[in-house]
Amino acid sequence: MRLPGPVAGRTCVLVGSVAPPEDRLATLLLAADTLKRHGAVHVEAVLPYLAYARQYRLEPQTSLACAWLGRVLMASGVDTVL
């Protein structure tokens, strides 16, 4: 991934979707990580459709995918999800 210009000291906004996550999640995570590694102070992700958002209850023998997705986004450098 190549950034269009310097991002050091700036707030950066990623606009996109992670649906379907198999196709788009890795791209978003890579973009967030790249921005942070190049000095972005704050990374916001605007995700009109957030995969797994409807899975908000923990049921027996199932994962809480939305919580996992939040942790993965944070680990990649996303500070805010809108």
C-alpha atoms as a PDB file:
ATOM      1  CA  MET A   1       0.000   0.000   0.000  1.00  0.00           C
ATOM      2  CA  ARG A   2       1.289   3.443  -0.892  1.00  0.00           C
ATOM      3  CA  LEU A   3       0.047   6.562   0.877  1.00  0.00           C
ATOM      4  CA  PRO A   4      -0.835   9.563  -1.312  1.00  0.00           C
ATOM      5  CA  GLY A   5       1.219  11.923   0.851  1.00  0.00           C
ATOM      6  CA  PRO A   6       2.673  12.495   4.308  1.00  0.00           C
ATOM      7  CA  VAL A   7       0.388  11.667   7.248  1.00  0.00           C
ATOM      8  CA  ALA A   8       2.684  12.337  10.216  1.00  0.00           C
ATOM      9  CA  GLY A   9       0.917  14.345  12.898  1.00  0.00           C
ATOM     10  CA  ARG A  10      -2.465  14.183  11.160  1.00  0.00           C
ATOM     11  CA  THR A  11      -5.864  12.677  11.791  1.00  0.00           C
ATOM     12  CA  CYS A  12      -6.686  10.275   8.967  1.00  0.00           C
ATOM     13  CA  VAL A  13     -10.083   8.940   7.966  1.00  0.00           C
ATOM     14  CA  LEU A  14     -10.605   5.594   6.251  1.00  0.00           C
ATOM     15  CA  VAL A  15     -13.969   5.263   4.508  1.00  0.00           C
ATOM     16  CA  GLY A  16     -15.070   1.847   3.402  1.00  0.00           C
ATOM     17  CA  SER A  17     -16.785  -1.354   4.251  1.00  0.00           C
ATOM     18  CA  VAL A  18     -15.778  -4.650   5.763  1.00  0.00           C
ATOM     19  CA  ALA A  19     -18.563  -6.560   4.077  1.00  0.00           C
ATOM     20  CA  PRO A  20     -17.901  -9.218   3.120  1.00  0.00           C
ATOM     21  CA  PRO A  21     -15.072  -9.405   5.659  1.00  0.00           C
ATOM     22  CA  GLU A  22     -13.308 -12.180   3.763  1.00  0.00           C
ATOM     23  CA  ASP A  23     -12.648  -9.724   0.920  1.00  0.00           C
ATOM     24  CA  ARG A  24     -12.243  -6.336   2.577  1.00  0.00           C
ATOM     25  CA  LEU A  25     -11.187  -6.626   6.201  1.00  0.00           C
ATOM     26  CA  ALA A  26      -7.494  -7.252   5.509  1.00  0.00           C
ATOM     27  CA  THR A  27      -7.292  -4.177   3.262  1.00  0.00           C
ATOM     28  CA  LEU A  28      -8.756  -1.945   5.974  1.00  0.00           C
ATOM     29  CA  LEU A  29      -6.441  -3.387   8.645  1.00  0.00           C
ATOM     30  CA  LEU A  30      -3.399  -2.922   6.418  1.00  0.00           C
ATOM     31  CA  ALA A  31      -4.379   0.682   5.646  1.00  0.00           C
ATOM     32  CA  ALA A  32      -4.831   1.529   9.341  1.00  0.00           C
ATOM     33  CA  ASP A  33      -1.530  -0.071  10.279  1.00  0.00           C
ATOM     34  CA  THR A  34       0.274   1.754   7.464  1.00  0.00           C
ATOM     35  CA  LEU A  35      -1.147   5.114   8.558  1.00  0.00           C
ATOM     36  CA  LYS A  36      -0.090   4.579  12.170  1.00  0.00           C
ATOM     37  CA  ARG A  37       3.401   3.375  11.192  1.00  0.00           C
ATOM     38  CA  HIS A  38       3.861   6.553   9.149  1.00  0.00           C
ATOM     39  CA  GLY A  39       2.930   8.804  12.063  1.00  0.00           C
ATOM     40  CA  ALA A  40      -0.810   9.418  11.876  1.00  0.00           C
ATOM     41  CA  VAL A  41      -1.924  10.681  15.273  1.00  0.00           C
ATOM     42  CA  HIS A  42      -5.502   9.443  15.019  1.00  0.00           C
ATOM     43  CA  VAL A  43      -7.114   6.979  12.594  1.00  0.00           C
ATOM     44  CA  GLU A  44     -10.890   6.989  12.152  1.00  0.00           C
ATOM     45  CA  ALA A  45     -12.730   4.293  10.221  1.00  0.00           C
ATOM     46  CA  VAL A  46     -16.078   5.252   8.712  1.00  0.00           C
ATOM     47  CA  LEU A  47     -17.801   1.923   8.110  1.00  0.00           C
ATOM     48  CA  PRO A  48     -21.433   2.312   7.000  1.00  0.00           C
ATOM     49  CA  TYR A  49     -21.870  -1.434   7.289  1.00  0.00           C
ATOM     50  CA  LEU A  50     -19.920  -3.144  10.033  1.00  0.00           C
ATOM     51  CA  ALA A  51     -19.713  -6.882   9.579  1.00  0.00           C
ATOM     52  CA  TYR A  52     -20.913  -8.891  12.578  1.00  0.00           C
ATOM     53  CA  ALA A  53     -22.555  -5.841  14.199  1.00  0.00           C
ATOM     54  CA  ARG A  54     -25.835  -7.670  14.659  1.00  0.00           C
ATOM     55  CA  GLN A  55     -24.186 -10.396  16.702  1.00  0.00           C
ATOM     56  CA  TYR A  56     -24.309  -8.662  20.065  1.00  0.00           C
ATOM     57  CA  ARG A  57     -25.344 -11.513  22.374  1.00  0.00           C
ATOM     58  CA  LEU A  58     -23.161 -14.328  23.504  1.00  0.00           C
ATOM     59  CA  GLU A  59     -24.921 -17.598  22.915  1.00  0.00           C
ATOM     60  CA  PRO A  60     -23.646 -20.994  24.047  1.00  0.00           C
ATOM     61  CA  GLN A  61     -20.813 -22.368  21.907  1.00  0.00           C
ATOM     62  CA  THR A  62     -20.530 -19.237  19.696  1.00  0.00           C
ATOM     63  CA  SER A  63     -18.015 -16.424  19.387  1.00  0.00           C
ATOM     64  CA  LEU A  64     -18.845 -12.800  19.981  1.00  0.00           C
ATOM     65  CA  ALA A  65     -17.578 -11.725  16.571  1.00  0.00           C
ATOM     66  CA  CYS A  66     -18.339  -8.005  16.906  1.00  0.00           C
ATOM     67  CA  ALA A  67     -16.156  -7.737  20.023  1.00  0.00           C
ATOM     68  CA  TRP A  68     -13.391  -9.644  18.241  1.00  0.00           C
ATOM     69  CA  LEU A  69     -13.631  -7.321  15.245  1.00  0.00           C
ATOM     70  CA  GLY A  70     -13.330  -4.291  17.525  1.00  0.00           C
ATOM     71  CA  ARG A  71     -10.171  -5.682  19.123  1.00  0.00           C
ATOM     72  CA  VAL A  72      -8.658  -6.452  15.710  1.00  0.00           C
ATOM     73  CA  LEU A  73      -9.412  -2.934  14.435  1.00  0.00           C
ATOM     74  CA  MET A  74      -7.838  -1.393  17.551  1.00  0.00           C
ATOM     75  CA  ALA A  75      -4.759  -3.616  17.274  1.00  0.00           C
ATOM     76  CA  SER A  76      -4.274  -2.412  13.701  1.00  0.00           C
ATOM     77  CA  GLY A  77      -4.346   1.236  14.715  1.00  0.00           C
ATOM     78  CA  VAL A  78      -7.972   2.290  14.339  1.00  0.00           C
ATOM     79  CA  ASP A  79      -8.838   4.721  17.148  1.00  0.00           C
ATOM     80  CA  THR A  80     -12.472   5.451  16.287  1.00  0.00           C
ATOM     81  CA  VAL A  81     -15.139   3.581  14.325  1.00  0.00           C
ATOM     82  CA  LEU A  82     -18.122   5.525  13.021  1.00  0.00           C
END
